[in-house]
Amino acid sequence: MGFHQTSTHKNGKGSFHQIGLVRGQFGNVPEAKWIPFLQESGFDGWEEASWELDLRRCDTDEGAAAYAKERVELAKKHGLEIFTVATHLQGQVLGDEPSAKTLNFCSGKGEAKAAYKAWRASCKNPPRTDPYFVPEEVGKLIHAEAKKDLEACVRYAGHLSKLQGRKVALPGFVGSPANCWSHWFLFPPLPGEIEGYKLPDVRELSLELLVERFGPVWKMCKEYGVTFDLECHPSERAMGDIESAGDYINYMNKAGFEGTVGFNLDGSHMEWQNVSVIDFIREYPEYIHCAHVKGVWVAREHCRAGRLGGHRNMGHWANGWNFVTAGTARDANSLEDIFIELNRVGFDGAVSIEWEDNDADQLAGAKAALANCRKADLPPSGMKHDEMLKG
């Protein structure tokens, strides 16, 4: 029971599990400064932000192998490893219906943004009632660019795995095809037919479209021996709860992707929805292939903007929840409970801190979260203490 990233357990420098840091939220810190910071602070490794990488080098197997070798050598130089390759942005782009929001995640070096610019330059404008509209030809380029990037990530992760002797997962998002997420509140109700014409259930259709769009990527994951792991999250088809996660994983298992498609555990998206991350671990132990540690503050009394944010920005003081430094007194999740439950279900691998806190300095916050993880992450017992009470 439980997923093993390495053939034998690897302790962290100051904890039972290896502890990494997610690169994504540190895009403003040059890598040449950030990686030495990881070494000096005592981290064991990191999660790559794939959108920062030269993915075009990974469009061939030979190129991916050479690139992975360079990156592993860089990590080893600082006593570190590369644990995971984040694919959140590209996954969202491929899964969602194309829009200016997903185009914003595309690379400026690709064709999609150039095509949108040319469309606007030809005196075309999106409809007033649909300001994020993109024309069909731009939408096709958006999806094609995301798919190409994801395939490059699979090749890269596969070669990282070989070089490091560990299963390097691809944590990411899958979006919500057919705009399924926008129908989470069932008013107006979802009609089954109109004037005698049947309408598909958008929830089922969304899952079908996921297999169509991600199927080629997941088949590559099987070939390269890596996993693609959804971080359940609002705006995804699995929204950060146990029920929709079950819809997702059961459908993907039936589609032939059992063991390849799984979850990146992140309790910060669950607690504010009143979902227990501990119950999630117990429900899906064999599908958790990687894990994030991310703190979340949740208002326990009334708040101005509610749990849904009242159309305020992420991090706004009036929101009913906000991301905070993991393991601090503000964090509604218990680091100790999470590490203990991961041990109970047999998860054996690195855990990466995804630091995000609008009220704390980046580097200081990352160090504090690491210290909190070390304090909480005790080795499992391996014994029953009452049996030691012998005369």
Protein backbone atom coordinates (compact mmCIF):
# COMPACT_ATOMS: atom_id res chain seq x y z
CA MET A 1 0.00 0.00 0.00
CA GLY A 2 1.20 3.48 -0.76
CA PHE A 3 3.40 4.87 -3.50
CA HIS A 4 7.19 4.61 -3.49
CA GLN A 5 9.14 7.19 -5.47
CA THR A 6 12.45 5.38 -4.88
CA SER A 7 13.34 1.73 -4.45
CA THR A 8 14.56 2.35 -0.90
CA HIS A 9 13.59 5.10 1.50
CA LYS A 10 15.56 8.36 1.33
CA ASN A 11 15.65 10.53 4.44
CA GLY A 12 15.70 14.29 4.19
CA LYS A 13 18.58 16.30 5.62
CA GLY A 14 16.57 17.11 8.73
CA SER A 15 13.36 15.13 8.36
CA PHE A 16 12.02 11.66 7.59
CA HIS A 17 10.82 12.62 4.11
CA GLN A 18 12.87 14.61 1.67
CA ILE A 19 11.53 18.17 1.55
CA GLY A 20 11.62 20.24 -1.61
CA LEU A 21 10.49 23.71 -2.63
CA VAL A 22 8.15 24.47 -5.53
CA ARG A 23 9.80 26.85 -7.97
CA GLY A 24 6.56 28.30 -9.38
CA GLN A 25 5.99 31.07 -6.83
CA PHE A 26 9.63 32.21 -7.05
CA GLY A 27 9.71 33.23 -10.68
CA ASN A 28 10.91 36.69 -9.65
CA VAL A 29 14.04 35.20 -8.03
CA PRO A 30 16.73 34.32 -10.60
CA GLU A 31 17.51 30.61 -10.62
CA ALA A 32 21.20 31.39 -10.11
CA LYS A 33 20.26 32.87 -6.73
CA TRP A 34 17.37 30.53 -5.90
CA ILE A 35 19.18 27.17 -6.17
CA PRO A 36 22.03 28.21 -3.82
CA PHE A 37 19.31 29.44 -1.44
CA LEU A 38 17.84 25.91 -1.41
CA GLN A 39 21.23 24.44 -0.58
CA GLU A 40 22.03 26.96 2.14
CA SER A 41 18.59 26.62 3.74
CA GLY A 42 18.75 22.82 3.92
CA PHE A 43 16.17 21.81 1.31
CA ASP A 44 16.64 18.42 -0.34
CA GLY A 45 15.49 19.40 -3.82
CA TRP A 46 12.86 21.21 -5.82
CA GLU A 47 9.91 21.02 -8.18
CA GLU A 48 10.61 22.39 -11.63
CA ALA A 49 8.35 25.09 -13.11
CA SER A 50 8.19 23.63 -16.60
CA TRP A 51 7.06 26.91 -18.16
CA GLU A 52 10.48 28.34 -17.26
CA LEU A 53 12.36 25.48 -18.96
CA ASP A 54 13.60 25.26 -22.54
CA LEU A 55 10.99 22.66 -23.48
CA ARG A 56 11.76 22.82 -27.18
CA ARG A 57 14.97 20.96 -26.34
CA CYS A 58 12.72 18.14 -25.13
CA ASP A 59 10.76 17.73 -28.38
CA THR A 60 12.99 14.74 -29.14
CA ASP A 61 14.10 11.90 -26.91
CA GLU A 62 17.76 12.71 -27.49
CA GLY A 63 17.25 16.37 -26.65
CA ALA A 64 15.30 15.54 -23.48
CA ALA A 65 18.04 13.15 -22.34
CA ALA A 66 20.76 15.78 -22.80
CA TYR A 67 18.71 18.50 -21.10
CA ALA A 68 17.85 16.24 -18.15
CA LYS A 69 21.53 15.40 -17.72
CA GLU A 70 22.42 19.10 -17.53
CA ARG A 71 19.68 19.81 -14.98
CA VAL A 72 20.58 16.81 -12.79
CA GLU A 73 24.22 17.85 -12.80
CA LEU A 74 23.17 21.33 -11.71
CA ALA A 75 21.13 19.86 -8.85
CA LYS A 76 23.91 17.51 -7.75
CA LYS A 77 26.38 20.39 -7.71
CA HIS A 78 24.30 21.87 -4.89
CA GLY A 79 23.52 18.58 -3.14
CA LEU A 80 19.94 18.57 -4.42
CA GLU A 81 17.53 16.50 -6.51
CA ILE A 82 14.68 17.34 -8.89
CA PHE A 83 11.58 15.70 -7.44
CA THR A 84 8.78 16.71 -9.79
CA VAL A 85 8.05 18.70 -12.95
CA ALA A 86 5.06 21.05 -12.57
CA THR A 87 2.67 21.14 -15.54
CA HIS A 88 -0.09 23.23 -14.01
CA LEU A 89 -0.22 25.99 -16.61
CA GLN A 90 -0.07 23.78 -19.68
CA GLY A 91 -2.57 21.33 -18.21
CA GLN A 92 -5.05 24.12 -17.55
CA VAL A 93 -4.58 25.39 -21.10
CA LEU A 94 -5.20 21.98 -22.69
CA GLY A 95 -8.20 21.11 -20.51
CA ASP A 96 -10.12 24.37 -20.58
CA GLU A 97 -12.00 25.72 -23.55
CA PRO A 98 -9.67 28.27 -25.22
CA SER A 99 -9.91 31.85 -24.00
CA ALA A 100 -7.73 34.89 -23.39
CA LYS A 101 -7.25 33.55 -19.85
CA THR A 102 -5.59 30.35 -21.04
CA LEU A 103 -3.81 32.19 -23.87
CA ASN A 104 -2.17 34.23 -21.10
CA PHE A 105 -0.43 31.02 -19.94
CA CYS A 106 1.01 30.31 -23.40
CA SER A 107 4.60 31.13 -24.24
CA GLY A 108 5.36 34.37 -26.06
CA LYS A 109 7.63 32.28 -28.29
CA GLY A 110 4.75 30.15 -29.57
CA GLU A 111 2.27 30.73 -32.40
CA ALA A 112 -0.90 31.27 -30.36
CA LYS A 113 -0.15 34.73 -28.97
CA ALA A 114 1.18 35.90 -32.33
CA ALA A 115 -2.03 34.72 -34.02
CA TYR A 116 -4.18 36.52 -31.44
CA LYS A 117 -2.16 39.71 -31.91
CA ALA A 118 -2.63 39.50 -35.69
CA TRP A 119 -6.38 38.94 -35.24
CA ARG A 120 -6.71 42.02 -33.04
CA ALA A 121 -4.47 44.04 -35.36
CA SER A 122 -6.92 43.32 -38.20
CA CYS A 123 -9.49 45.47 -36.35
CA LYS A 124 -11.25 42.45 -34.80
CA ASN A 125 -12.47 42.64 -31.21
CA PRO A 126 -14.04 40.12 -28.84
CA PRO A 127 -17.78 40.53 -28.23
CA ARG A 128 -18.59 42.92 -25.41
CA THR A 129 -20.36 40.11 -23.53
CA ASP A 130 -17.39 37.76 -23.95
CA PRO A 131 -14.23 39.83 -23.39
CA TYR A 132 -11.95 36.76 -23.15
CA PHE A 133 -13.12 35.37 -26.51
CA VAL A 134 -10.54 34.02 -28.95
CA PRO A 135 -11.33 32.94 -32.52
CA GLU A 136 -11.41 29.24 -33.40
CA GLU A 137 -8.08 29.29 -35.25
CA VAL A 138 -6.35 30.80 -32.21
CA GLY A 139 -8.06 28.27 -29.95
CA LYS A 140 -6.64 25.38 -31.95
CA LEU A 141 -3.13 26.83 -31.64
CA ILE A 142 -3.61 27.26 -27.87
CA HIS A 143 -4.47 23.57 -27.41
CA ALA A 144 -1.75 22.39 -29.79
CA GLU A 145 0.91 24.42 -27.97
CA ALA A 146 -0.15 23.04 -24.57
CA LYS A 147 -0.13 19.44 -25.83
CA LYS A 148 3.34 19.85 -27.34
CA ASP A 149 4.66 21.28 -24.08
CA LEU A 150 3.14 18.48 -22.01
CA GLU A 151 4.66 15.83 -24.26
CA ALA A 152 8.04 17.53 -23.87
CA CYS A 153 7.57 17.48 -20.08
CA VAL A 154 6.89 13.73 -20.17
CA ARG A 155 10.13 13.06 -22.05
CA TYR A 156 12.06 15.28 -19.66
CA ALA A 157 10.57 13.68 -16.53
CA GLY A 158 11.25 10.22 -17.93
CA HIS A 159 14.95 10.96 -18.31
CA LEU A 160 15.14 12.70 -14.93
CA SER A 161 13.71 9.50 -13.44
CA LYS A 162 16.40 7.32 -15.04
CA LEU A 163 19.25 9.60 -14.02
CA GLN A 164 18.13 9.99 -10.40
CA GLY A 165 16.74 6.54 -9.69
CA ARG A 166 13.35 7.94 -8.70
CA LYS A 167 9.88 8.23 -10.21
CA VAL A 168 9.63 11.91 -11.16
CA ALA A 169 5.93 12.80 -11.29
CA LEU A 170 4.16 15.48 -13.31
CA PRO A 171 1.86 17.31 -10.90
CA GLY A 172 -0.54 19.61 -12.70
CA PHE A 173 -4.02 20.74 -13.58
CA VAL A 174 -6.45 19.38 -16.17
CA GLY A 175 -8.84 22.32 -16.34
CA SER A 176 -12.53 21.75 -16.84
CA PRO A 177 -13.57 20.92 -20.42
CA ALA A 178 -16.94 22.09 -21.71
CA ASN A 179 -16.81 24.79 -19.02
CA CYS A 180 -17.99 22.20 -16.51
CA TRP A 181 -16.58 24.17 -13.58
CA SER A 182 -18.89 27.10 -14.29
CA HIS A 183 -21.89 24.83 -13.63
CA TRP A 184 -20.86 23.79 -10.11
CA PHE A 185 -23.85 25.68 -8.66
CA LEU A 186 -26.89 24.02 -10.19
CA PHE A 187 -28.97 27.08 -10.88
CA PRO A 188 -30.23 27.44 -13.49
CA PRO A 189 -30.67 23.66 -13.45
CA LEU A 190 -28.90 21.58 -16.09
CA PRO A 191 -31.56 20.56 -18.63
CA GLY A 192 -31.57 17.00 -19.96
CA GLU A 193 -33.48 17.93 -23.09
CA ILE A 194 -35.03 20.92 -24.85
CA GLU A 195 -38.08 20.54 -27.09
CA GLY A 196 -37.50 16.82 -27.41
CA TYR A 197 -33.78 17.14 -28.20
CA LYS A 198 -31.46 15.38 -25.76
CA LEU A 199 -28.61 17.31 -24.15
CA PRO A 200 -25.53 15.54 -22.77
CA ASP A 201 -24.67 15.88 -19.08
CA VAL A 202 -21.83 18.41 -19.06
CA ARG A 203 -20.20 16.61 -16.12
CA GLU A 204 -19.89 13.37 -18.08
CA LEU A 205 -18.96 15.17 -21.29
CA SER A 206 -16.16 16.98 -19.46
CA LEU A 207 -14.58 13.67 -18.46
CA GLU A 208 -14.89 12.35 -22.02
CA LEU A 209 -13.11 15.42 -23.36
CA LEU A 210 -10.32 15.03 -20.80
CA VAL A 211 -9.53 11.57 -22.15
CA GLU A 212 -9.60 12.87 -25.72
CA ARG A 213 -7.29 15.80 -24.98
CA PHE A 214 -4.90 14.24 -22.47
CA GLY A 215 -5.00 10.62 -23.70
CA PRO A 216 -1.94 10.97 -25.98
CA VAL A 217 0.01 12.61 -23.14
CA TRP A 218 -0.95 9.92 -20.64
CA LYS A 219 -0.01 7.16 -23.10
CA MET A 220 3.43 8.77 -23.28
CA CYS A 221 3.55 8.76 -19.47
CA LYS A 222 3.06 4.98 -19.55
CA GLU A 223 5.86 4.65 -22.09
CA TYR A 224 8.29 6.73 -20.01
CA GLY A 225 7.26 5.28 -16.64
CA VAL A 226 6.06 8.54 -15.09
CA THR A 227 2.73 9.63 -13.63
CA PHE A 228 0.48 12.61 -14.31
CA ASP A 229 -1.01 13.79 -11.03
CA LEU A 230 -3.92 16.18 -10.77
CA GLU A 231 -3.84 18.71 -7.97
CA CYS A 232 -7.55 18.77 -7.08
CA HIS A 233 -8.51 22.41 -7.05
CA PRO A 234 -11.38 24.80 -7.79
CA SER A 235 -11.56 25.39 -11.57
CA GLU A 236 -10.57 21.73 -12.18
CA ARG A 237 -12.88 18.84 -13.05
CA ALA A 238 -11.98 17.43 -9.60
CA MET A 239 -12.62 20.45 -7.44
CA GLY A 240 -10.73 19.76 -4.22
CA ASP A 241 -13.19 17.35 -2.65
CA ILE A 242 -13.50 13.59 -2.28
CA GLU A 243 -16.62 13.17 -4.43
CA SER A 244 -15.49 14.85 -7.66
CA ALA A 245 -12.02 13.31 -7.20
CA GLY A 246 -13.73 9.92 -7.26
CA ASP A 247 -15.58 10.80 -10.47
CA TYR A 248 -12.27 11.75 -12.06
CA ILE A 249 -10.06 8.86 -10.98
CA ASN A 250 -12.71 6.16 -11.57
CA TYR A 251 -13.33 7.44 -15.10
CA MET A 252 -9.61 7.54 -15.90
CA ASN A 253 -9.13 4.02 -14.53
CA LYS A 254 -11.90 2.73 -16.82
CA ALA A 255 -10.31 4.59 -19.72
CA GLY A 256 -7.14 2.53 -19.25
CA PHE A 257 -4.94 4.93 -17.27
CA GLU A 258 -4.94 3.27 -13.84
CA GLY A 259 -1.51 3.64 -12.24
CA THR A 260 -0.55 6.43 -14.64
CA VAL A 261 -3.12 9.07 -13.69
CA GLY A 262 -3.26 9.99 -10.02
CA PHE A 263 -3.21 12.88 -7.56
CA ASN A 264 -0.77 15.46 -6.28
CA LEU A 265 -1.93 15.89 -2.69
CA ASP A 266 -2.54 19.50 -1.63
CA GLY A 267 -4.75 20.02 1.40
CA SER A 268 -4.78 23.81 1.10
CA HIS A 269 -7.51 23.58 -1.54
CA MET A 270 -9.66 21.33 0.63
CA GLU A 271 -9.80 22.81 4.11
CA TRP A 272 -11.60 26.02 3.14
CA GLN A 273 -14.21 23.87 1.38
CA ASN A 274 -14.71 21.96 4.64
CA VAL A 275 -13.10 18.83 3.18
CA SER A 276 -10.63 16.84 5.29
CA VAL A 277 -7.25 16.27 3.66
CA ILE A 278 -6.80 13.34 6.06
CA ASP A 279 -9.96 11.68 4.72
CA PHE A 280 -8.69 12.33 1.18
CA ILE A 281 -5.43 10.51 1.96
CA ARG A 282 -7.36 7.60 3.43
CA GLU A 283 -9.67 7.44 0.41
CA TYR A 284 -7.01 7.51 -2.31
CA PRO A 285 -3.72 6.20 -0.84
CA GLU A 286 -2.58 4.30 -3.94
CA TYR A 287 -3.24 7.27 -6.23
CA ILE A 288 -1.17 9.87 -4.35
CA HIS A 289 2.12 9.88 -6.25
CA CYS A 290 3.45 13.23 -5.02
CA ALA A 291 2.49 15.86 -2.45
CA HIS A 292 2.58 19.58 -1.79
CA VAL A 293 2.58 21.25 1.59
CA LYS A 294 0.78 24.58 1.46
CA GLY A 295 -0.72 26.51 4.34
CA VAL A 296 -4.24 27.94 4.32
CA TRP A 297 -5.95 30.32 6.72
CA VAL A 298 -9.74 29.93 6.99
CA ALA A 299 -12.14 32.38 8.63
CA ARG A 300 -14.01 30.51 11.35
CA GLU A 301 -16.51 33.30 11.89
CA HIS A 302 -18.28 35.67 9.52
CA CYS A 303 -16.28 37.46 6.83
CA ARG A 304 -16.98 40.22 4.33
CA ALA A 305 -16.20 38.41 1.06
CA GLY A 306 -17.27 34.90 2.02
CA ARG A 307 -15.53 31.66 1.15
CA LEU A 308 -15.99 32.37 -2.57
CA GLY A 309 -14.17 35.69 -2.37
CA GLY A 310 -16.88 38.16 -3.38
CA HIS A 311 -15.11 38.89 -6.70
CA ARG A 312 -12.06 40.15 -4.82
CA ASN A 313 -8.48 39.26 -5.77
CA MET A 314 -6.69 36.23 -4.37
CA GLY A 315 -5.07 37.22 -1.09
CA HIS A 316 -7.48 40.10 -0.38
CA TRP A 317 -7.92 40.68 3.35
CA ALA A 318 -11.72 40.37 3.12
CA ASN A 319 -11.65 36.84 1.70
CA GLY A 320 -12.86 33.95 3.81
CA TRP A 321 -9.60 32.08 3.22
CA ASN A 322 -6.05 32.84 2.08
CA PHE A 323 -2.83 30.91 1.52
CA VAL A 324 -0.31 31.27 4.34
CA THR A 325 3.09 29.89 5.36
CA ALA A 326 2.66 26.18 6.09
CA GLY A 327 2.78 25.10 9.72
CA THR A 328 2.33 28.54 11.27
CA ALA A 329 -0.37 29.24 13.83
CA ARG A 330 -2.57 30.62 11.02
CA ASP A 331 -2.50 27.36 9.04
CA ALA A 332 -5.80 25.48 9.27
CA ASN A 333 -4.18 22.23 8.14
CA SER A 334 -2.08 20.23 10.58
CA LEU A 335 1.34 19.36 9.18
CA GLU A 336 1.75 16.63 11.80
CA ASP A 337 -1.55 15.00 10.85
CA ILE A 338 -0.68 15.12 7.14
CA PHE A 339 2.77 13.57 7.57
CA ILE A 340 1.46 10.92 9.96
CA GLU A 341 -1.37 9.95 7.62
CA LEU A 342 0.98 9.77 4.62
CA ASN A 343 3.14 7.40 6.66
CA ARG A 344 0.13 5.34 7.69
CA VAL A 345 -0.89 4.73 4.07
CA GLY A 346 2.69 3.94 3.06
CA PHE A 347 3.51 7.00 0.95
CA ASP A 348 7.28 7.05 0.62
CA GLY A 349 8.74 9.95 -1.23
CA ALA A 350 9.57 13.63 -1.28
CA VAL A 351 7.10 16.33 -0.25
CA SER A 352 7.47 19.82 -1.70
CA ILE A 353 6.54 23.06 0.01
CA GLU A 354 4.42 25.27 -2.22
CA TRP A 355 4.98 28.55 -0.47
CA GLU A 356 2.50 31.38 -0.97
CA ASP A 357 1.78 34.03 1.63
CA ASN A 358 0.91 37.64 0.80
CA ASP A 359 1.85 38.72 4.33
CA ALA A 360 5.37 37.29 4.56
CA ASP A 361 8.68 37.67 2.76
CA GLN A 362 9.34 34.89 0.21
CA LEU A 363 12.68 33.59 1.38
CA ALA A 364 11.92 33.99 5.08
CA GLY A 365 8.57 32.27 4.58
CA ALA A 366 10.13 29.34 2.74
CA LYS A 367 12.67 28.85 5.52
CA ALA A 368 9.94 28.99 8.18
CA ALA A 369 7.84 26.42 6.30
CA LEU A 370 10.86 24.11 6.03
CA ALA A 371 11.52 24.37 9.76
CA ASN A 372 7.86 23.60 10.47
CA CYS A 373 7.97 20.54 8.20
CA ARG A 374 11.09 19.24 9.90
CA LYS A 375 9.45 19.59 13.30
CA ALA A 376 6.28 17.80 12.16
CA ASP A 377 7.83 15.06 10.01
CA LEU A 378 8.88 12.41 12.53
CA PRO A 379 9.85 8.89 11.42
CA PRO A 380 6.99 6.38 11.78
CA SER A 381 7.00 4.20 14.87
CA GLY A 382 7.22 0.68 13.48
CA MET A 383 6.09 -0.77 16.82
CA LYS A 384 3.15 -1.05 19.22
CA HIS A 385 4.13 0.64 22.45
CA ASP A 386 1.83 -1.32 24.73
CA GLU A 387 3.66 -4.48 23.71
CA MET A 388 6.80 -3.01 25.26
CA LEU A 389 5.20 -3.08 28.71
CA LYS A 390 6.69 -6.38 29.79
CA GLY A 391 7.75 -7.61 33.17
